[in-house]
Amino acid sequence: MLADIVPDSASHPLTSCTVRLERNYRFKDGIALATLGEAGKTGNWSAMQRALQLDGAKWIEANTPTEVIAGTLSTLASLGADAGVLCAHRRGMDGSLTLSREIARKNGAGSDADPIVGRDFDGRRIIITVNDPATGLVNGETGRVEMRDGRLVALFSDRPDPIDVARLPRH
């Protein structure tokens, strides 16, 4: 991370070359994820706990990667199709990549489910990971893959028209 090489110090030689991003353009103020992110930036644990109670968020107590996966799958099953998962890290036995693969398998993707190079399938939740001027999609937009008229398309809540999965940027 940049913060590891450029400390928050006016005397550091790279300080004049950095910018602190403080405005969130991805989420509307007041929703649980925006509130959680703000609490995380400031290191306010009690505010993070309060944010986790907003919008039906569920906290999973787990001590092992196996418990994280089991608890996540169980909680998702009880919340329904529109529920999502916020994971603290990407890699590892209980990171978002592993969780995504296990969720995909549970949703019928089969044993070859892979969140990075795996095939798209009806019901798969996706997040765009690059800006794409051709489709107008930007990093961080989330959607869902659905079968419509015999073809797989991606639907995004703020876009009226589906986008064929073949046109999607990295996701």
C-alpha atoms as a PDB file:
ATOM      1  CA  MET A   1       0.000   0.000   0.000  1.00  0.00           C
ATOM      2  CA  LEU A   2       1.108   3.536  -0.648  1.00  0.00           C
ATOM      3  CA  ALA A   3       0.655   4.363   3.033  1.00  0.00           C
ATOM      4  CA  ASP A   4       3.393   1.825   3.794  1.00  0.00           C
ATOM      5  CA  ILE A   5       5.977   3.831   1.850  1.00  0.00           C
ATOM      6  CA  VAL A   6       4.632   7.368   2.350  1.00  0.00           C
ATOM      7  CA  PRO A   7       3.843   7.962   6.008  1.00  0.00           C
ATOM      8  CA  ASP A   8       1.343  10.629   6.995  1.00  0.00           C
ATOM      9  CA  SER A   9       4.112  13.126   7.669  1.00  0.00           C
ATOM     10  CA  ALA A  10       4.717  16.583   6.201  1.00  0.00           C
ATOM     11  CA  SER A  11       8.470  15.985   6.351  1.00  0.00           C
ATOM     12  CA  HIS A  12       8.470  12.935   4.047  1.00  0.00           C
ATOM     13  CA  PRO A  13       9.900  13.740   0.562  1.00  0.00           C
ATOM     14  CA  LEU A  14       6.943  12.119  -1.252  1.00  0.00           C
ATOM     15  CA  THR A  15       4.245  13.930   0.726  1.00  0.00           C
ATOM     16  CA  SER A  16       3.819  16.617  -1.936  1.00  0.00           C
ATOM     17  CA  CYS A  17       3.240  13.863  -4.540  1.00  0.00           C
ATOM     18  CA  THR A  18       0.281  12.291  -2.770  1.00  0.00           C
ATOM     19  CA  VAL A  19      -3.400  13.064  -2.561  1.00  0.00           C
ATOM     20  CA  ARG A  20      -5.759  11.892   0.148  1.00  0.00           C
ATOM     21  CA  LEU A  21      -9.063  10.649  -1.276  1.00  0.00           C
ATOM     22  CA  GLU A  22     -11.853  11.537   1.107  1.00  0.00           C
ATOM     23  CA  ARG A  23     -15.069  11.609  -0.922  1.00  0.00           C
ATOM     24  CA  ASN A  24     -16.862   8.379  -1.698  1.00  0.00           C
ATOM     25  CA  TYR A  25     -18.463   8.297  -5.145  1.00  0.00           C
ATOM     26  CA  ARG A  26     -19.333   4.603  -5.082  1.00  0.00           C
ATOM     27  CA  PHE A  27     -22.008   4.508  -2.377  1.00  0.00           C
ATOM     28  CA  LYS A  28     -24.697   6.888  -1.218  1.00  0.00           C
ATOM     29  CA  ASP A  29     -24.135   8.353   2.245  1.00  0.00           C
ATOM     30  CA  GLY A  30     -26.071   6.612   4.977  1.00  0.00           C
ATOM     31  CA  ILE A  31     -26.104   3.088   3.581  1.00  0.00           C
ATOM     32  CA  ALA A  32     -24.430   0.421   5.677  1.00  0.00           C
ATOM     33  CA  LEU A  33     -21.426  -0.079   3.412  1.00  0.00           C
ATOM     34  CA  ALA A  34     -20.631   3.643   3.210  1.00  0.00           C
ATOM     35  CA  THR A  35     -21.012   3.998   6.980  1.00  0.00           C
ATOM     36  CA  LEU A  36     -18.838   0.927   7.534  1.00  0.00           C
ATOM     37  CA  GLY A  37     -16.163   2.248   5.196  1.00  0.00           C
ATOM     38  CA  GLU A  38     -16.052   5.615   6.943  1.00  0.00           C
ATOM     39  CA  ALA A  39     -15.781   3.921  10.339  1.00  0.00           C
ATOM     40  CA  GLY A  40     -12.983   1.722   8.996  1.00  0.00           C
ATOM     41  CA  LYS A  41     -11.039   4.718   7.672  1.00  0.00           C
ATOM     42  CA  THR A  42     -11.091   6.335  11.087  1.00  0.00           C
ATOM     43  CA  GLY A  43     -10.521   3.085  13.002  1.00  0.00           C
ATOM     44  CA  ASN A  44     -13.708   3.562  15.029  1.00  0.00           C
ATOM     45  CA  TRP A  45     -14.633   0.006  16.078  1.00  0.00           C
ATOM     46  CA  SER A  46     -17.872   0.950  17.863  1.00  0.00           C
ATOM     47  CA  ALA A  47     -19.065   2.845  14.759  1.00  0.00           C
ATOM     48  CA  MET A  48     -18.175  -0.217  12.663  1.00  0.00           C
ATOM     49  CA  GLN A  49     -20.266  -2.419  14.939  1.00  0.00           C
ATOM     50  CA  ARG A  50     -23.219  -0.008  14.645  1.00  0.00           C
ATOM     51  CA  ALA A  51     -22.825   0.069  10.847  1.00  0.00           C
ATOM     52  CA  LEU A  52     -23.006  -3.706  10.741  1.00  0.00           C
ATOM     53  CA  GLN A  53     -26.497  -3.465  12.257  1.00  0.00           C
ATOM     54  CA  LEU A  54     -27.795  -1.274   9.412  1.00  0.00           C
ATOM     55  CA  ASP A  55     -29.686  -2.478   6.340  1.00  0.00           C
ATOM     56  CA  GLY A  56     -30.014  -6.028   7.642  1.00  0.00           C
ATOM     57  CA  ALA A  57     -26.269  -6.655   7.774  1.00  0.00           C
ATOM     58  CA  LYS A  58     -25.278  -9.830   9.621  1.00  0.00           C
ATOM     59  CA  TRP A  59     -22.051 -10.399  11.514  1.00  0.00           C
ATOM     60  CA  ILE A  60     -20.700 -13.956  11.429  1.00  0.00           C
ATOM     61  CA  GLU A  61     -18.693 -15.109  14.436  1.00  0.00           C
ATOM     62  CA  ALA A  62     -16.127 -17.631  13.245  1.00  0.00           C
ATOM     63  CA  ASN A  63     -12.757 -18.861  14.460  1.00  0.00           C
ATOM     64  CA  THR A  64     -11.562 -20.934  11.499  1.00  0.00           C
ATOM     65  CA  PRO A  65     -11.780 -20.639   7.702  1.00  0.00           C
ATOM     66  CA  THR A  66     -14.138 -23.623   7.666  1.00  0.00           C
ATOM     67  CA  GLU A  67     -16.467 -21.820  10.099  1.00  0.00           C
ATOM     68  CA  VAL A  68     -16.305 -18.643   7.972  1.00  0.00           C
ATOM     69  CA  ILE A  69     -17.370 -20.528   4.840  1.00  0.00           C
ATOM     70  CA  ALA A  70     -20.080 -22.554   6.599  1.00  0.00           C
ATOM     71  CA  GLY A  71     -21.424 -19.481   8.400  1.00  0.00           C
ATOM     72  CA  THR A  72     -21.434 -17.431   5.205  1.00  0.00           C
ATOM     73  CA  LEU A  73     -23.256 -20.092   3.190  1.00  0.00           C
ATOM     74  CA  SER A  74     -25.787 -20.625   5.967  1.00  0.00           C
ATOM     75  CA  THR A  75     -26.425 -16.899   6.393  1.00  0.00           C
ATOM     76  CA  LEU A  76     -26.789 -16.350   2.640  1.00  0.00           C
ATOM     77  CA  ALA A  77     -29.314 -19.181   2.428  1.00  0.00           C
ATOM     78  CA  SER A  78     -31.423 -17.523   5.126  1.00  0.00           C
ATOM     79  CA  LEU A  79     -31.228 -14.016   3.584  1.00  0.00           C
ATOM     80  CA  GLY A  80     -32.237 -14.771   0.000  1.00  0.00           C
ATOM     81  CA  ALA A  81     -30.908 -14.098  -3.478  1.00  0.00           C
ATOM     82  CA  ASP A  82     -30.212 -10.378  -3.096  1.00  0.00           C
ATOM     83  CA  ALA A  83     -27.861 -10.775  -0.134  1.00  0.00           C
ATOM     84  CA  GLY A  84     -24.178 -10.033  -0.615  1.00  0.00           C
ATOM     85  CA  VAL A  85     -20.951 -10.688   1.239  1.00  0.00           C
ATOM     86  CA  LEU A  86     -18.386  -8.171   2.444  1.00  0.00           C
ATOM     87  CA  CYS A  87     -15.063  -9.830   3.095  1.00  0.00           C
ATOM     88  CA  ALA A  88     -12.062  -8.254   4.811  1.00  0.00           C
ATOM     89  CA  HIS A  89      -9.501  -9.764   2.458  1.00  0.00           C
ATOM     90  CA  ARG A  90      -9.254 -11.256  -1.013  1.00  0.00           C
ATOM     91  CA  ARG A  91      -6.873 -14.203  -0.735  1.00  0.00           C
ATOM     92  CA  GLY A  92      -6.574 -17.066   1.719  1.00  0.00           C
ATOM     93  CA  MET A  93      -8.696 -19.967   2.896  1.00  0.00           C
ATOM     94  CA  ASP A  94     -11.493 -17.602   3.962  1.00  0.00           C
ATOM     95  CA  GLY A  95     -10.865 -14.710   1.567  1.00  0.00           C
ATOM     96  CA  SER A  96     -13.339 -13.345  -0.950  1.00  0.00           C
ATOM     97  CA  LEU A  97     -11.975 -15.502  -3.794  1.00  0.00           C
ATOM     98  CA  THR A  98     -12.540 -18.708  -1.824  1.00  0.00           C
ATOM     99  CA  LEU A  99     -15.942 -17.536  -0.590  1.00  0.00           C
ATOM    100  CA  SER A 100     -16.973 -16.579  -4.133  1.00  0.00           C
ATOM    101  CA  ARG A 101     -15.997 -20.020  -5.405  1.00  0.00           C
ATOM    102  CA  GLU A 102     -17.954 -21.787  -2.638  1.00  0.00           C
ATOM    103  CA  ILE A 103     -21.017 -19.575  -3.164  1.00  0.00           C
ATOM    104  CA  ALA A 104     -20.849 -20.262  -6.911  1.00  0.00           C
ATOM    105  CA  ARG A 105     -20.679 -24.022  -6.299  1.00  0.00           C
ATOM    106  CA  LYS A 106     -23.641 -23.844  -3.950  1.00  0.00           C
ATOM    107  CA  ASN A 107     -25.579 -21.884  -6.592  1.00  0.00           C
ATOM    108  CA  GLY A 108     -25.011 -24.554  -9.212  1.00  0.00           C
ATOM    109  CA  ALA A 109     -21.853 -23.474 -10.999  1.00  0.00           C
ATOM    110  CA  GLY A 110     -20.325 -26.931 -10.589  1.00  0.00           C
ATOM    111  CA  SER A 111     -16.939 -28.035  -9.369  1.00  0.00           C
ATOM    112  CA  ASP A 112     -15.069 -25.826 -11.883  1.00  0.00           C
ATOM    113  CA  ALA A 113     -16.412 -22.606 -10.358  1.00  0.00           C
ATOM    114  CA  ASP A 114     -13.665 -20.019 -10.137  1.00  0.00           C
ATOM    115  CA  PRO A 115     -14.325 -16.348  -9.310  1.00  0.00           C
ATOM    116  CA  ILE A 116     -11.590 -15.081 -11.635  1.00  0.00           C
ATOM    117  CA  VAL A 117     -11.485 -17.360 -14.670  1.00  0.00           C
ATOM    118  CA  GLY A 118     -14.635 -19.392 -14.077  1.00  0.00           C
ATOM    119  CA  ARG A 119     -17.568 -19.412 -16.407  1.00  0.00           C
ATOM    120  CA  ASP A 120     -20.471 -17.047 -15.968  1.00  0.00           C
ATOM    121  CA  PHE A 121     -23.799 -18.633 -15.083  1.00  0.00           C
ATOM    122  CA  ASP A 122     -27.394 -17.699 -14.387  1.00  0.00           C
ATOM    123  CA  GLY A 123     -27.590 -16.078 -10.937  1.00  0.00           C
ATOM    124  CA  ARG A 124     -23.899 -15.243 -10.589  1.00  0.00           C
ATOM    125  CA  ARG A 125     -23.218 -11.966  -8.805  1.00  0.00           C
ATOM    126  CA  ILE A 126     -20.385  -9.956 -10.324  1.00  0.00           C
ATOM    127  CA  ILE A 127     -18.344  -6.860  -9.591  1.00  0.00           C
ATOM    128  CA  ILE A 128     -16.612  -4.935 -12.356  1.00  0.00           C
ATOM    129  CA  THR A 129     -12.869  -4.602 -11.659  1.00  0.00           C
ATOM    130  CA  VAL A 130     -11.810  -2.111 -14.381  1.00  0.00           C
ATOM    131  CA  ASN A 131     -13.268   1.010 -15.978  1.00  0.00           C
ATOM    132  CA  ASP A 132     -14.626   0.286 -19.464  1.00  0.00           C
ATOM    133  CA  PRO A 133     -15.550   3.229 -21.713  1.00  0.00           C
ATOM    134  CA  ALA A 134     -17.094   0.900 -24.328  1.00  0.00           C
ATOM    135  CA  THR A 135     -19.856  -0.258 -21.966  1.00  0.00           C
ATOM    136  CA  GLY A 136     -19.740   2.671 -19.543  1.00  0.00           C
ATOM    137  CA  LEU A 137     -19.144   0.259 -16.654  1.00  0.00           C
ATOM    138  CA  VAL A 138     -16.749   1.335 -13.921  1.00  0.00           C
ATOM    139  CA  ASN A 139     -14.655  -0.411 -11.306  1.00  0.00           C
ATOM    140  CA  GLY A 140     -16.832  -1.381  -8.357  1.00  0.00           C
ATOM    141  CA  GLU A 141     -20.201  -1.634 -10.121  1.00  0.00           C
ATOM    142  CA  THR A 142     -22.077  -4.739  -9.097  1.00  0.00           C
ATOM    143  CA  GLY A 143     -24.594  -6.753 -11.018  1.00  0.00           C
ATOM    144  CA  ARG A 144     -26.036 -10.184 -11.604  1.00  0.00           C
ATOM    145  CA  VAL A 145     -25.806 -12.542 -14.563  1.00  0.00           C
ATOM    146  CA  GLU A 146     -29.141 -13.856 -15.846  1.00  0.00           C
ATOM    147  CA  MET A 147     -30.313 -16.015 -18.694  1.00  0.00           C
ATOM    148  CA  ARG A 148     -32.628 -13.970 -20.958  1.00  0.00           C
ATOM    149  CA  ASP A 149     -33.960 -15.128 -24.294  1.00  0.00           C
ATOM    150  CA  GLY A 150     -31.413 -17.937 -24.400  1.00  0.00           C
ATOM    151  CA  ARG A 151     -28.348 -15.781 -23.737  1.00  0.00           C
ATOM    152  CA  LEU A 152     -26.424 -14.756 -20.646  1.00  0.00           C
ATOM    153  CA  VAL A 153     -26.596 -11.054 -19.854  1.00  0.00           C
ATOM    154  CA  ALA A 154     -25.495  -8.913 -16.929  1.00  0.00           C
ATOM    155  CA  LEU A 155     -27.968  -6.643 -15.186  1.00  0.00           C
ATOM    156  CA  PHE A 156     -26.933  -3.593 -13.174  1.00  0.00           C
ATOM    157  CA  SER A 157     -29.408  -1.746 -10.938  1.00  0.00           C
ATOM    158  CA  ASP A 158     -28.636   1.705 -12.339  1.00  0.00           C
ATOM    159  CA  ARG A 159     -28.698   0.635 -16.014  1.00  0.00           C
ATOM    160  CA  PRO A 160     -31.944  -0.051 -17.859  1.00  0.00           C
ATOM    161  CA  ASP A 161     -30.508  -2.368 -20.515  1.00  0.00           C
ATOM    162  CA  PRO A 162     -28.800  -5.718 -19.974  1.00  0.00           C
ATOM    163  CA  ILE A 163     -25.250  -6.162 -21.260  1.00  0.00           C
ATOM    164  CA  ASP A 164     -24.223  -9.380 -22.983  1.00  0.00           C
ATOM    165  CA  VAL A 165     -21.616 -11.143 -20.825  1.00  0.00           C
ATOM    166  CA  ALA A 166     -19.292 -11.367 -23.832  1.00  0.00           C
ATOM    167  CA  ARG A 167     -19.061  -7.545 -23.754  1.00  0.00           C
ATOM    168  CA  LEU A 168     -18.223  -7.294 -20.058  1.00  0.00           C
ATOM    169  CA  PRO A 169     -14.820  -6.003 -18.980  1.00  0.00           C
ATOM    170  CA  ARG A 170     -12.891  -7.922 -16.302  1.00  0.00           C
ATOM    171  CA  HIS A 171     -15.191  -8.818 -13.477  1.00  0.00           C
END
